[in-house]
């Protein structure tokens, strides 16, 4: 898929998910063969900016539109993620099986 197509997809889903105009989201294509992720998102809440990173060299998934939507959902759900992480850290003792389970269910799947 061409860069312009990926940018259009990103912009379209930012509008559909009502992320824009509240957030400034930039799509950055990663061409580093050592980067193992297919996608990631970096969020700056203070400035309401985000960078969506997309692996275009060796993605683990072929449907890059789905990856874009997945990463944008991280941005959309970011406040809930922060509350969930705080609850896990404050309610479950670090290093316990319960803490590892809860963290794994919410943040590594």
PDB file of N, CA and C in Angstrom:
ATOM      1  N   UNK A   1       0.841  -1.170   0.000  1.00  0.00           N
ATOM      2  CA  UNK A   1       0.000   0.000   0.000  1.00  0.00           C
ATOM      3  C   UNK A   1       0.897   1.247   0.000  1.00  0.00           C
ATOM      4  N   UNK A   2       0.511   2.235  -0.746  1.00  0.00           N
ATOM      5  CA  UNK A   2       1.273   3.480  -0.868  1.00  0.00           C
ATOM      6  C   UNK A   2       1.144   4.337   0.396  1.00  0.00           C
ATOM      7  N   UNK A   3       2.138   5.188   0.618  1.00  0.00           N
ATOM      8  CA  UNK A   3       2.139   6.070   1.784  1.00  0.00           C
ATOM      9  C   UNK A   3       0.914   6.974   1.796  1.00  0.00           C
ATOM     10  N   UNK A   4       0.556   7.539   0.651  1.00  0.00           N
ATOM     11  CA  UNK A   4      -0.597   8.443   0.603  1.00  0.00           C
ATOM     12  C   UNK A   4      -1.890   7.708   0.954  1.00  0.00           C
ATOM     13  N   UNK A   5      -1.995   6.437   0.546  1.00  0.00           N
ATOM     14  CA  UNK A   5      -3.174   5.639   0.880  1.00  0.00           C
ATOM     15  C   UNK A   5      -3.264   5.406   2.388  1.00  0.00           C
ATOM     16  N   UNK A   6      -2.119   5.099   3.003  1.00  0.00           N
ATOM     17  CA  UNK A   6      -2.084   4.877   4.441  1.00  0.00           C
ATOM     18  C   UNK A   6      -2.421   6.160   5.195  1.00  0.00           C
ATOM     19  N   UNK A   7      -1.956   7.294   4.697  1.00  0.00           N
ATOM     20  CA  UNK A   7      -2.256   8.582   5.334  1.00  0.00           C
ATOM     21  C   UNK A   7      -3.754   8.886   5.235  1.00  0.00           C
ATOM     22  N   UNK A   8      -4.339   8.593   4.087  1.00  0.00           N
ATOM     23  CA  UNK A   8      -5.778   8.819   3.915  1.00  0.00           C
ATOM     24  C   UNK A   8      -6.592   7.926   4.840  1.00  0.00           C
ATOM     25  N   UNK A   9      -6.161   6.675   4.986  1.00  0.00           N
ATOM     26  CA  UNK A   9      -6.844   5.751   5.891  1.00  0.00           C
ATOM     27  C   UNK A   9      -6.771   6.274   7.322  1.00  0.00           C
ATOM     28  N   UNK A  10      -5.595   6.715   7.723  1.00  0.00           N
ATOM     29  CA  UNK A  10      -5.401   7.244   9.073  1.00  0.00           C
ATOM     30  C   UNK A  10      -6.296   8.457   9.307  1.00  0.00           C
ATOM     31  N   UNK A  11      -6.316   9.374   8.375  1.00  0.00           N
ATOM     32  CA  UNK A  11      -7.140  10.575   8.504  1.00  0.00           C
ATOM     33  C   UNK A  11      -8.622  10.220   8.556  1.00  0.00           C
ATOM     34  N   UNK A  12      -9.040   9.279   7.726  1.00  0.00           N
ATOM     35  CA  UNK A  12     -10.453   8.883   7.700  1.00  0.00           C
ATOM     36  C   UNK A  12     -10.879   8.283   9.038  1.00  0.00           C
ATOM     37  N   UNK A  13     -10.044   7.419   9.604  1.00  0.00           N
ATOM     38  CA  UNK A  13     -10.406   6.800  10.878  1.00  0.00           C
ATOM     39  C   UNK A  13     -10.282   7.768  12.048  1.00  0.00           C
ATOM     40  N   UNK A  14      -9.400   8.735  11.958  1.00  0.00           N
ATOM     41  CA  UNK A  14      -9.350   9.775  12.992  1.00  0.00           C
ATOM     42  C   UNK A  14     -10.675  10.535  13.031  1.00  0.00           C
ATOM     43  N   UNK A  15     -11.241  10.788  11.865  1.00  0.00           N
ATOM     44  CA  UNK A  15     -12.532  11.478  11.794  1.00  0.00           C
ATOM     45  C   UNK A  15     -13.664  10.564  12.279  1.00  0.00           C
ATOM     46  N   UNK A  16     -13.679   9.309  11.821  1.00  0.00           N
ATOM     47  CA  UNK A  16     -14.743   8.372  12.211  1.00  0.00           C
ATOM     48  C   UNK A  16     -14.757   8.112  13.707  1.00  0.00           C
ATOM     49  N   UNK A  17     -13.575   8.034  14.299  1.00  0.00           N
ATOM     50  CA  UNK A  17     -13.467   7.768  15.734  1.00  0.00           C
ATOM     51  C   UNK A  17     -13.543   9.045  16.569  1.00  0.00           C
ATOM     52  N   UNK A  18     -13.752  10.164  15.890  1.00  0.00           N
ATOM     53  CA  UNK A  18     -13.848  11.484  16.542  1.00  0.00           C
ATOM     54  C   UNK A  18     -12.593  11.813  17.349  1.00  0.00           C
ATOM     55  N   UNK A  19     -11.464  11.423  16.790  1.00  0.00           N
ATOM     56  CA  UNK A  19     -10.174  11.758  17.392  1.00  0.00           C
ATOM     57  C   UNK A  19      -9.763  13.151  16.929  1.00  0.00           C
ATOM     58  N   UNK A  20      -9.940  13.400  15.645  1.00  0.00           N
ATOM     59  CA  UNK A  20      -9.672  14.745  15.143  1.00  0.00           C
ATOM     60  C   UNK A  20     -10.997  15.501  15.136  1.00  0.00           C
ATOM     61  N   UNK A  21     -10.990  16.752  15.395  1.00  0.00           N
ATOM     62  CA  UNK A  21      -9.887  17.711  15.445  1.00  0.00           C
ATOM     63  C   UNK A  21      -9.280  17.898  16.845  1.00  0.00           C
ATOM     64  N   UNK A  22      -9.681  17.082  17.805  1.00  0.00           N
ATOM     65  CA  UNK A  22      -9.214  17.253  19.184  1.00  0.00           C
ATOM     66  C   UNK A  22      -7.753  16.856  19.370  1.00  0.00           C
ATOM     67  N   UNK A  23      -7.302  15.912  18.562  1.00  0.00           N
ATOM     68  CA  UNK A  23      -5.924  15.424  18.632  1.00  0.00           C
ATOM     69  C   UNK A  23      -5.236  15.683  17.308  1.00  0.00           C
ATOM     70  N   UNK A  24      -3.956  15.939  17.372  1.00  0.00           N
ATOM     71  CA  UNK A  24      -3.111  16.069  16.178  1.00  0.00           C
ATOM     72  C   UNK A  24      -2.366  14.745  16.040  1.00  0.00           C
ATOM     73  N   UNK A  25      -2.785  13.935  15.074  1.00  0.00           N
ATOM     74  CA  UNK A  25      -2.194  12.605  14.872  1.00  0.00           C
ATOM     75  C   UNK A  25      -1.376  12.612  13.589  1.00  0.00           C
ATOM     76  N   UNK A  26      -0.133  12.188  13.712  1.00  0.00           N
ATOM     77  CA  UNK A  26       0.752  12.072  12.548  1.00  0.00           C
ATOM     78  C   UNK A  26       1.069  10.597  12.328  1.00  0.00           C
ATOM     79  N   UNK A  27       1.066  10.194  11.083  1.00  0.00           N
ATOM     80  CA  UNK A  27       1.446   8.834  10.714  1.00  0.00           C
ATOM     81  C   UNK A  27       2.917   8.846  10.316  1.00  0.00           C
ATOM     82  N   UNK A  28       3.684   7.978  10.946  1.00  0.00           N
ATOM     83  CA  UNK A  28       5.111   7.866  10.622  1.00  0.00           C
ATOM     84  C   UNK A  28       5.398   6.431  10.202  1.00  0.00           C
ATOM     85  N   UNK A  29       5.901   6.266   9.004  1.00  0.00           N
ATOM     86  CA  UNK A  29       6.227   4.939   8.496  1.00  0.00           C
ATOM     87  C   UNK A  29       7.628   4.559   8.952  1.00  0.00           C
ATOM     88  N   UNK A  30       7.739   3.375   9.523  1.00  0.00           N
ATOM     89  CA  UNK A  30       9.020   2.892  10.046  1.00  0.00           C
ATOM     90  C   UNK A  30       9.625   1.953   9.013  1.00  0.00           C
ATOM     91  N   UNK A  31      10.850   2.238   8.625  1.00  0.00           N
ATOM     92  CA  UNK A  31      11.557   1.427   7.631  1.00  0.00           C
ATOM     93  C   UNK A  31      12.821   0.822   8.222  1.00  0.00           C
ATOM     94  N   UNK A  32      12.763   0.495   9.500  1.00  0.00           N
ATOM     95  CA  UNK A  32      13.888  -0.091  10.227  1.00  0.00           C
ATOM     96  C   UNK A  32      13.654  -1.601  10.327  1.00  0.00           C
ATOM     97  N   UNK A  33      14.498  -2.392   9.684  1.00  0.00           N
ATOM     98  CA  UNK A  33      14.309  -3.847   9.665  1.00  0.00           C
ATOM     99  C   UNK A  33      14.421  -4.475  11.050  1.00  0.00           C
ATOM    100  N   UNK A  34      15.041  -3.783  11.988  1.00  0.00           N
ATOM    101  CA  UNK A  34      15.177  -4.344  13.336  1.00  0.00           C
ATOM    102  C   UNK A  34      13.954  -4.074  14.219  1.00  0.00           C
ATOM    103  N   UNK A  35      13.047  -3.212  13.773  1.00  0.00           N
ATOM    104  CA  UNK A  35      11.847  -2.917  14.566  1.00  0.00           C
ATOM    105  C   UNK A  35      10.871  -4.069  14.429  1.00  0.00           C
ATOM    106  N   UNK A  36      10.523  -4.690  15.514  1.00  0.00           N
ATOM    107  CA  UNK A  36       9.753  -5.926  15.490  1.00  0.00           C
ATOM    108  C   UNK A  36       8.239  -5.747  15.560  1.00  0.00           C
ATOM    109  N   UNK A  37       7.774  -4.574  15.907  1.00  0.00           N
ATOM    110  CA  UNK A  37       6.336  -4.339  16.000  1.00  0.00           C
ATOM    111  C   UNK A  37       5.765  -4.034  14.619  1.00  0.00           C
ATOM    112  N   UNK A  38       4.465  -4.246  14.474  1.00  0.00           N
ATOM    113  CA  UNK A  38       3.793  -3.840  13.244  1.00  0.00           C
ATOM    114  C   UNK A  38       3.307  -2.411  13.381  1.00  0.00           C
ATOM    115  N   UNK A  39       2.882  -2.056  14.589  1.00  0.00           N
ATOM    116  CA  UNK A  39       2.414  -0.703  14.836  1.00  0.00           C
ATOM    117  C   UNK A  39       2.606  -0.320  16.287  1.00  0.00           C
ATOM    118  N   UNK A  40       2.593   0.974  16.536  1.00  0.00           N
ATOM    119  CA  UNK A  40       2.694   1.504  17.894  1.00  0.00           C
ATOM    120  C   UNK A  40       2.190   2.937  17.839  1.00  0.00           C
ATOM    121  N   UNK A  41       1.865   3.471  19.014  1.00  0.00           N
ATOM    122  CA  UNK A  41       1.443   4.864  19.061  1.00  0.00           C
ATOM    123  C   UNK A  41       2.091   5.526  20.268  1.00  0.00           C
ATOM    124  N   UNK A  42       2.612   6.714  20.054  1.00  0.00           N
ATOM    125  CA  UNK A  42       3.230   7.518  21.106  1.00  0.00           C
ATOM    126  C   UNK A  42       2.290   8.688  21.368  1.00  0.00           C
ATOM    127  N   UNK A  43       1.941   8.878  22.632  1.00  0.00           N
ATOM    128  CA  UNK A  43       0.910   9.846  22.986  1.00  0.00           C
ATOM    129  C   UNK A  43       1.482  10.917  23.906  1.00  0.00           C
ATOM    130  N   UNK A  44       1.211  12.175  23.566  1.00  0.00           N
ATOM    131  CA  UNK A  44       1.567  13.317  24.401  1.00  0.00           C
ATOM    132  C   UNK A  44       0.257  13.996  24.807  1.00  0.00           C
ATOM    133  N   UNK A  45      -0.223  13.669  26.017  1.00  0.00           N
ATOM    134  CA  UNK A  45      -1.511  14.200  26.481  1.00  0.00           C
ATOM    135  C   UNK A  45      -1.485  15.710  26.672  1.00  0.00           C
ATOM    136  N   UNK A  46      -0.365  16.232  27.119  1.00  0.00           N
ATOM    137  CA  UNK A  46      -0.280  17.671  27.386  1.00  0.00           C
ATOM    138  C   UNK A  46      -0.537  18.501  26.130  1.00  0.00           C
ATOM    139  N   UNK A  47       0.039  18.094  25.026  1.00  0.00           N
ATOM    140  CA  UNK A  47      -0.118  18.836  23.766  1.00  0.00           C
ATOM    141  C   UNK A  47      -1.199  18.247  22.866  1.00  0.00           C
ATOM    142  N   UNK A  48      -1.807  17.136  23.317  1.00  0.00           N
ATOM    143  CA  UNK A  48      -2.838  16.426  22.541  1.00  0.00           C
ATOM    144  C   UNK A  48      -2.310  16.076  21.139  1.00  0.00           C
ATOM    145  N   UNK A  49      -1.110  15.485  21.145  1.00  0.00           N
ATOM    146  CA  UNK A  49      -0.477  15.033  19.905  1.00  0.00           C
ATOM    147  C   UNK A  49      -0.149  13.560  20.019  1.00  0.00           C
ATOM    148  N   UNK A  50      -0.171  12.882  18.894  1.00  0.00           N
ATOM    149  CA  UNK A  50       0.182  11.463  18.861  1.00  0.00           C
ATOM    150  C   UNK A  50       0.899  11.156  17.558  1.00  0.00           C
ATOM    151  N   UNK A  51       1.817  10.212  17.651  1.00  0.00           N
ATOM    152  CA  UNK A  51       2.511   9.713  16.461  1.00  0.00           C
ATOM    153  C   UNK A  51       2.181   8.238  16.342  1.00  0.00           C
ATOM    154  N   UNK A  52       1.564   7.880  15.229  1.00  0.00           N
ATOM    155  CA  UNK A  52       1.235   6.485  14.949  1.00  0.00           C
ATOM    156  C   UNK A  52       2.363   5.921  14.096  1.00  0.00           C
ATOM    157  N   UNK A  53       3.069   4.949  14.643  1.00  0.00           N
ATOM    158  CA  UNK A  53       4.197   4.318  13.945  1.00  0.00           C
ATOM    159  C   UNK A  53       3.697   3.060  13.248  1.00  0.00           C
ATOM    160  N   UNK A  54       4.051   2.901  12.000  1.00  0.00           N
ATOM    161  CA  UNK A  54       3.593   1.772  11.202  1.00  0.00           C
ATOM    162  C   UNK A  54       4.778   1.144  10.484  1.00  0.00           C
ATOM    163  N   UNK A  55       4.987  -0.130  10.730  1.00  0.00           N
ATOM    164  CA  UNK A  55       6.088  -0.872  10.126  1.00  0.00           C
ATOM    165  C   UNK A  55       5.721  -1.222   8.679  1.00  0.00           C
ATOM    166  N   UNK A  56       6.444  -0.668   7.735  1.00  0.00           N
ATOM    167  CA  UNK A  56       6.163  -0.945   6.325  1.00  0.00           C
ATOM    168  C   UNK A  56       7.220  -1.850   5.690  1.00  0.00           C
ATOM    169  N   UNK A  57       8.230  -2.220   6.458  1.00  0.00           N
ATOM    170  CA  UNK A  57       9.291  -3.083   5.933  1.00  0.00           C
ATOM    171  C   UNK A  57       8.986  -4.556   6.192  1.00  0.00           C
ATOM    172  N   UNK A  58       8.699  -4.891   7.444  1.00  0.00           N
ATOM    173  CA  UNK A  58       8.419  -6.296   7.778  1.00  0.00           C
ATOM    174  C   UNK A  58       7.286  -6.409   8.805  1.00  0.00           C
ATOM    175  N   UNK A  59       6.076  -5.965   8.411  1.00  0.00           N
ATOM    176  CA  UNK A  59       4.960  -6.051   9.350  1.00  0.00           C
ATOM    177  C   UNK A  59       4.574  -7.507   9.613  1.00  0.00           C
ATOM    178  N   UNK A  60       4.116  -7.766  10.831  1.00  0.00           N
ATOM    179  CA  UNK A  60       3.676  -9.119  11.188  1.00  0.00           C
ATOM    180  C   UNK A  60       2.260  -9.379  10.701  1.00  0.00           C
ATOM    181  N   UNK A  61       1.594  -8.337  10.290  1.00  0.00           N
ATOM    182  CA  UNK A  61       0.225  -8.455   9.802  1.00  0.00           C
ATOM    183  C   UNK A  61       0.123  -7.755   8.455  1.00  0.00           C
ATOM    184  N   UNK A  62      -0.611  -8.340   7.545  1.00  0.00           N
ATOM    185  CA  UNK A  62      -0.720  -7.764   6.206  1.00  0.00           C
ATOM    186  C   UNK A  62      -1.752  -6.650   6.103  1.00  0.00           C
ATOM    187  N   UNK A  63      -2.778  -6.681   6.952  1.00  0.00           N
ATOM    188  CA  UNK A  63      -3.844  -5.694   6.880  1.00  0.00           C
ATOM    189  C   UNK A  63      -3.444  -4.447   7.671  1.00  0.00           C
ATOM    190  N   UNK A  64      -2.783  -3.525   7.017  1.00  0.00           N
ATOM    191  CA  UNK A  64      -2.285  -2.326   7.690  1.00  0.00           C
ATOM    192  C   UNK A  64      -3.414  -1.381   8.099  1.00  0.00           C
ATOM    193  N   UNK A  65      -4.545  -1.435   7.419  1.00  0.00           N
ATOM    194  CA  UNK A  65      -5.702  -0.636   7.828  1.00  0.00           C
ATOM    195  C   UNK A  65      -6.159  -1.072   9.224  1.00  0.00           C
ATOM    196  N   UNK A  66      -6.197  -2.356   9.453  1.00  0.00           N
ATOM    197  CA  UNK A  66      -6.575  -2.875  10.767  1.00  0.00           C
ATOM    198  C   UNK A  66      -5.574  -2.444  11.840  1.00  0.00           C
ATOM    199  N   UNK A  67      -4.307  -2.433  11.497  1.00  0.00           N
ATOM    200  CA  UNK A  67      -3.271  -2.002  12.443  1.00  0.00           C
ATOM    201  C   UNK A  67      -3.468  -0.522  12.782  1.00  0.00           C
ATOM    202  N   UNK A  68      -3.777   0.287  11.801  1.00  0.00           N
ATOM    203  CA  UNK A  68      -4.015   1.714  12.038  1.00  0.00           C
ATOM    204  C   UNK A  68      -5.192   1.894  12.992  1.00  0.00           C
ATOM    205  N   UNK A  69      -6.281   1.204  12.743  1.00  0.00           N
ATOM    206  CA  UNK A  69      -7.457   1.311  13.617  1.00  0.00           C
ATOM    207  C   UNK A  69      -7.109   0.840  15.024  1.00  0.00           C
ATOM    208  N   UNK A  70      -6.384  -0.258  15.120  1.00  0.00           N
ATOM    209  CA  UNK A  70      -5.980  -0.793  16.432  1.00  0.00           C
ATOM    210  C   UNK A  70      -5.190   0.259  17.216  1.00  0.00           C
ATOM    211  N   UNK A  71      -4.219   0.869  16.581  1.00  0.00           N
ATOM    212  CA  UNK A  71      -3.395   1.864  17.264  1.00  0.00           C
ATOM    213  C   UNK A  71      -4.201   3.110  17.620  1.00  0.00           C
ATOM    214  N   UNK A  72      -5.111   3.520  16.744  1.00  0.00           N
ATOM    215  CA  UNK A  72      -5.958   4.674  17.057  1.00  0.00           C
ATOM    216  C   UNK A  72      -6.885   4.380  18.234  1.00  0.00           C
ATOM    217  N   UNK A  73      -7.292   3.143  18.389  1.00  0.00           N
ATOM    218  CA  UNK A  73      -8.132   2.779  19.543  1.00  0.00           C
ATOM    219  C   UNK A  73      -7.343   2.906  20.842  1.00  0.00           C
ATOM    220  N   UNK A  74      -6.034   2.686  20.794  1.00  0.00           N
ATOM    221  CA  UNK A  74      -5.211   2.926  21.981  1.00  0.00           C
ATOM    222  C   UNK A  74      -5.305   4.401  22.384  1.00  0.00           C
ATOM    223  N   UNK A  75      -5.277   5.280  21.413  1.00  0.00           N
ATOM    224  CA  UNK A  75      -5.396   6.707  21.690  1.00  0.00           C
ATOM    225  C   UNK A  75      -6.787   7.025  22.231  1.00  0.00           C
ATOM    226  N   UNK A  76      -7.794   6.491  21.597  1.00  0.00           N
ATOM    227  CA  UNK A  76      -9.182   6.741  22.014  1.00  0.00           C
ATOM    228  C   UNK A  76      -9.419   6.256  23.446  1.00  0.00           C
ATOM    229  N   UNK A  77      -8.822   5.124  23.787  1.00  0.00           N
ATOM    230  CA  UNK A  77      -9.042   4.506  25.098  1.00  0.00           C
ATOM    231  C   UNK A  77      -7.958   4.863  26.117  1.00  0.00           C
ATOM    232  N   UNK A  78      -7.065   5.765  25.780  1.00  0.00           N
ATOM    233  CA  UNK A  78      -5.917   6.072  26.633  1.00  0.00           C
ATOM    234  C   UNK A  78      -6.299   6.442  28.069  1.00  0.00           C
ATOM    235  N   UNK A  79      -7.306   7.282  28.287  1.00  0.00           N
ATOM    236  CA  UNK A  79      -7.661   7.595  29.681  1.00  0.00           C
ATOM    237  C   UNK A  79      -8.066   6.346  30.471  1.00  0.00           C
ATOM    238  N   UNK A  80      -8.801   5.451  29.849  1.00  0.00           N
ATOM    239  CA  UNK A  80      -9.188   4.218  30.527  1.00  0.00           C
ATOM    240  C   UNK A  80      -7.966   3.336  30.797  1.00  0.00           C
ATOM    241  N   UNK A  81      -7.045   3.276  29.859  1.00  0.00           N
ATOM    242  CA  UNK A  81      -5.806   2.518  30.065  1.00  0.00           C
ATOM    243  C   UNK A  81      -5.035   3.036  31.271  1.00  0.00           C
ATOM    244  N   UNK A  82      -4.980   4.354  31.408  1.00  0.00           N
ATOM    245  CA  UNK A  82      -4.239   4.949  32.523  1.00  0.00           C
ATOM    246  C   UNK A  82      -4.886   4.619  33.861  1.00  0.00           C
ATOM    247  N   UNK A  83      -6.211   4.675  33.926  1.00  0.00           N
ATOM    248  CA  UNK A  83      -6.926   4.327  35.159  1.00  0.00           C
ATOM    249  C   UNK A  83      -6.722   2.849  35.477  1.00  0.00           C
ATOM    250  N   UNK A  84      -6.828   2.003  34.476  1.00  0.00           N
ATOM    251  CA  UNK A  84      -6.665   0.560  34.683  1.00  0.00           C
ATOM    252  C   UNK A  84      -5.262   0.240  35.182  1.00  0.00           C
ATOM    253  N   UNK A  85      -4.264   0.833  34.568  1.00  0.00           N
ATOM    254  CA  UNK A  85      -2.888   0.589  34.998  1.00  0.00           C
ATOM    255  C   UNK A  85      -2.670   1.072  36.434  1.00  0.00           C
ATOM    256  N   UNK A  86      -3.216   2.219  36.768  1.00  0.00           N
ATOM    257  CA  UNK A  86      -3.088   2.736  38.138  1.00  0.00           C
ATOM    258  C   UNK A  86      -3.750   1.806  39.140  1.00  0.00           C
ATOM    259  N   UNK A  87      -4.913   1.282  38.790  1.00  0.00           N
ATOM    260  CA  UNK A  87      -5.611   0.355  39.689  1.00  0.00           C
ATOM    261  C   UNK A  87      -4.824  -0.937  39.882  1.00  0.00           C
ATOM    262  N   UNK A  88      -4.279  -1.453  38.803  1.00  0.00           N
ATOM    263  CA  UNK A  88      -3.481  -2.680  38.904  1.00  0.00           C
ATOM    264  C   UNK A  88      -2.272  -2.450  39.803  1.00  0.00           C
ATOM    265  N   UNK A  89      -1.597  -1.326  39.589  1.00  0.00           N
ATOM    266  CA  UNK A  89      -0.395  -1.046  40.373  1.00  0.00           C
ATOM    267  C   UNK A  89      -0.717  -0.778  41.840  1.00  0.00           C
ATOM    268  N   UNK A  90      -1.838  -0.125  42.119  1.00  0.00           N
ATOM    269  CA  UNK A  90      -2.145   0.236  43.503  1.00  0.00           C
ATOM    270  C   UNK A  90      -2.865  -0.879  44.265  1.00  0.00           C
ATOM    271  N   UNK A  91      -3.538  -1.765  43.569  1.00  0.00           N
ATOM    272  CA  UNK A  91      -4.333  -2.801  44.255  1.00  0.00           C
ATOM    273  C   UNK A  91      -3.659  -4.171  44.307  1.00  0.00           C
ATOM    274  N   UNK A  92      -2.703  -4.413  43.436  1.00  0.00           N
ATOM    275  CA  UNK A  92      -2.067  -5.720  43.382  1.00  0.00           C
ATOM    276  C   UNK A  92      -0.577  -5.575  43.626  1.00  0.00           C
ATOM    277  N   UNK A  93      -0.062  -6.384  44.518  1.00  0.00           N
ATOM    278  CA  UNK A  93       1.351  -6.308  44.879  1.00  0.00           C
ATOM    279  C   UNK A  93       2.227  -6.660  43.679  1.00  0.00           C
ATOM    280  N   UNK A  94       3.241  -5.835  43.452  1.00  0.00           N
ATOM    281  CA  UNK A  94       4.137  -6.029  42.313  1.00  0.00           C
ATOM    282  C   UNK A  94       4.847  -7.376  42.406  1.00  0.00           C
ATOM    283  N   UNK A  95       4.912  -8.053  41.278  1.00  0.00           N
ATOM    284  CA  UNK A  95       5.608  -9.334  41.203  1.00  0.00           C
ATOM    285  C   UNK A  95       4.753 -10.533  41.527  1.00  0.00           C
ATOM    286  N   UNK A  96       3.510 -10.312  41.971  1.00  0.00           N
ATOM    287  CA  UNK A  96       2.638 -11.445  42.298  1.00  0.00           C
ATOM    288  C   UNK A  96       2.018 -11.998  41.025  1.00  0.00           C
ATOM    289  N   UNK A  97       1.533 -13.219  41.128  1.00  0.00           N
ATOM    290  CA  UNK A  97       0.869 -13.851  39.990  1.00  0.00           C
ATOM    291  C   UNK A  97      -0.370 -13.053  39.582  1.00  0.00           C
ATOM    292  N   UNK A  98      -1.093 -12.545  40.557  1.00  0.00           N
ATOM    293  CA  UNK A  98      -2.300 -11.769  40.264  1.00  0.00           C
ATOM    294  C   UNK A  98      -1.954 -10.493  39.492  1.00  0.00           C
ATOM    295  N   UNK A  99      -0.896  -9.822  39.901  1.00  0.00           N
ATOM    296  CA  UNK A  99      -0.488  -8.591  39.223  1.00  0.00           C
ATOM    297  C   UNK A  99      -0.023  -8.884  37.804  1.00  0.00           C
ATOM    298  N   UNK A 100       0.763  -9.941  37.638  1.00  0.00           N
ATOM    299  CA  UNK A 100       1.235 -10.309  36.297  1.00  0.00           C
ATOM    300  C   UNK A 100       0.061 -10.689  35.398  1.00  0.00           C
ATOM    301  N   UNK A 101      -0.896 -11.425  35.953  1.00  0.00           N
ATOM    302  CA  UNK A 101      -2.071 -11.828  35.182  1.00  0.00           C
ATOM    303  C   UNK A 101      -2.866 -10.594  34.732  1.00  0.00           C
ATOM    304  N   UNK A 102      -3.182  -9.710  35.678  1.00  0.00           N
ATOM    305  CA  UNK A 102      -3.983  -8.531  35.357  1.00  0.00           C
ATOM    306  C   UNK A 102      -3.265  -7.654  34.335  1.00  0.00           C
ATOM    307  N   UNK A 103      -2.002  -7.424  34.553  1.00  0.00           N
ATOM    308  CA  UNK A 103      -1.235  -6.591  33.630  1.00  0.00           C
ATOM    309  C   UNK A 103      -1.186  -7.238  32.241  1.00  0.00           C
ATOM    310  N   UNK A 104      -0.960  -8.535  32.214  1.00  0.00           N
ATOM    311  CA  UNK A 104      -0.899  -9.260  30.945  1.00  0.00           C
ATOM    312  C   UNK A 104      -2.208  -9.211  30.187  1.00  0.00           C
ATOM    313  N   UNK A 105      -3.318  -9.331  30.898  1.00  0.00           N
ATOM    314  CA  UNK A 105      -4.628  -9.301  30.249  1.00  0.00           C
ATOM    315  C   UNK A 105      -4.927  -7.948  29.626  1.00  0.00           C
ATOM    316  N   UNK A 106      -4.507  -6.886  30.290  1.00  0.00           N
ATOM    317  CA  UNK A 106      -4.849  -5.549  29.805  1.00  0.00           C
ATOM    318  C   UNK A 106      -3.809  -4.921  28.885  1.00  0.00           C
ATOM    319  N   UNK A 107      -2.553  -5.299  29.032  1.00  0.00           N
ATOM    320  CA  UNK A 107      -1.524  -4.524  28.340  1.00  0.00           C
ATOM    321  C   UNK A 107      -0.592  -5.305  27.423  1.00  0.00           C
ATOM    322  N   UNK A 108      -0.637  -6.604  27.403  1.00  0.00           N
ATOM    323  CA  UNK A 108       0.300  -7.307  26.524  1.00  0.00           C
ATOM    324  C   UNK A 108      -0.385  -8.192  25.497  1.00  0.00           C
ATOM    325  N   UNK A 109      -1.664  -8.185  25.436  1.00  0.00           N
ATOM    326  CA  UNK A 109      -2.368  -9.007  24.451  1.00  0.00           C
ATOM    327  C   UNK A 109      -2.567  -8.288  23.175  1.00  0.00           C
TER     328      UNK A 109
END
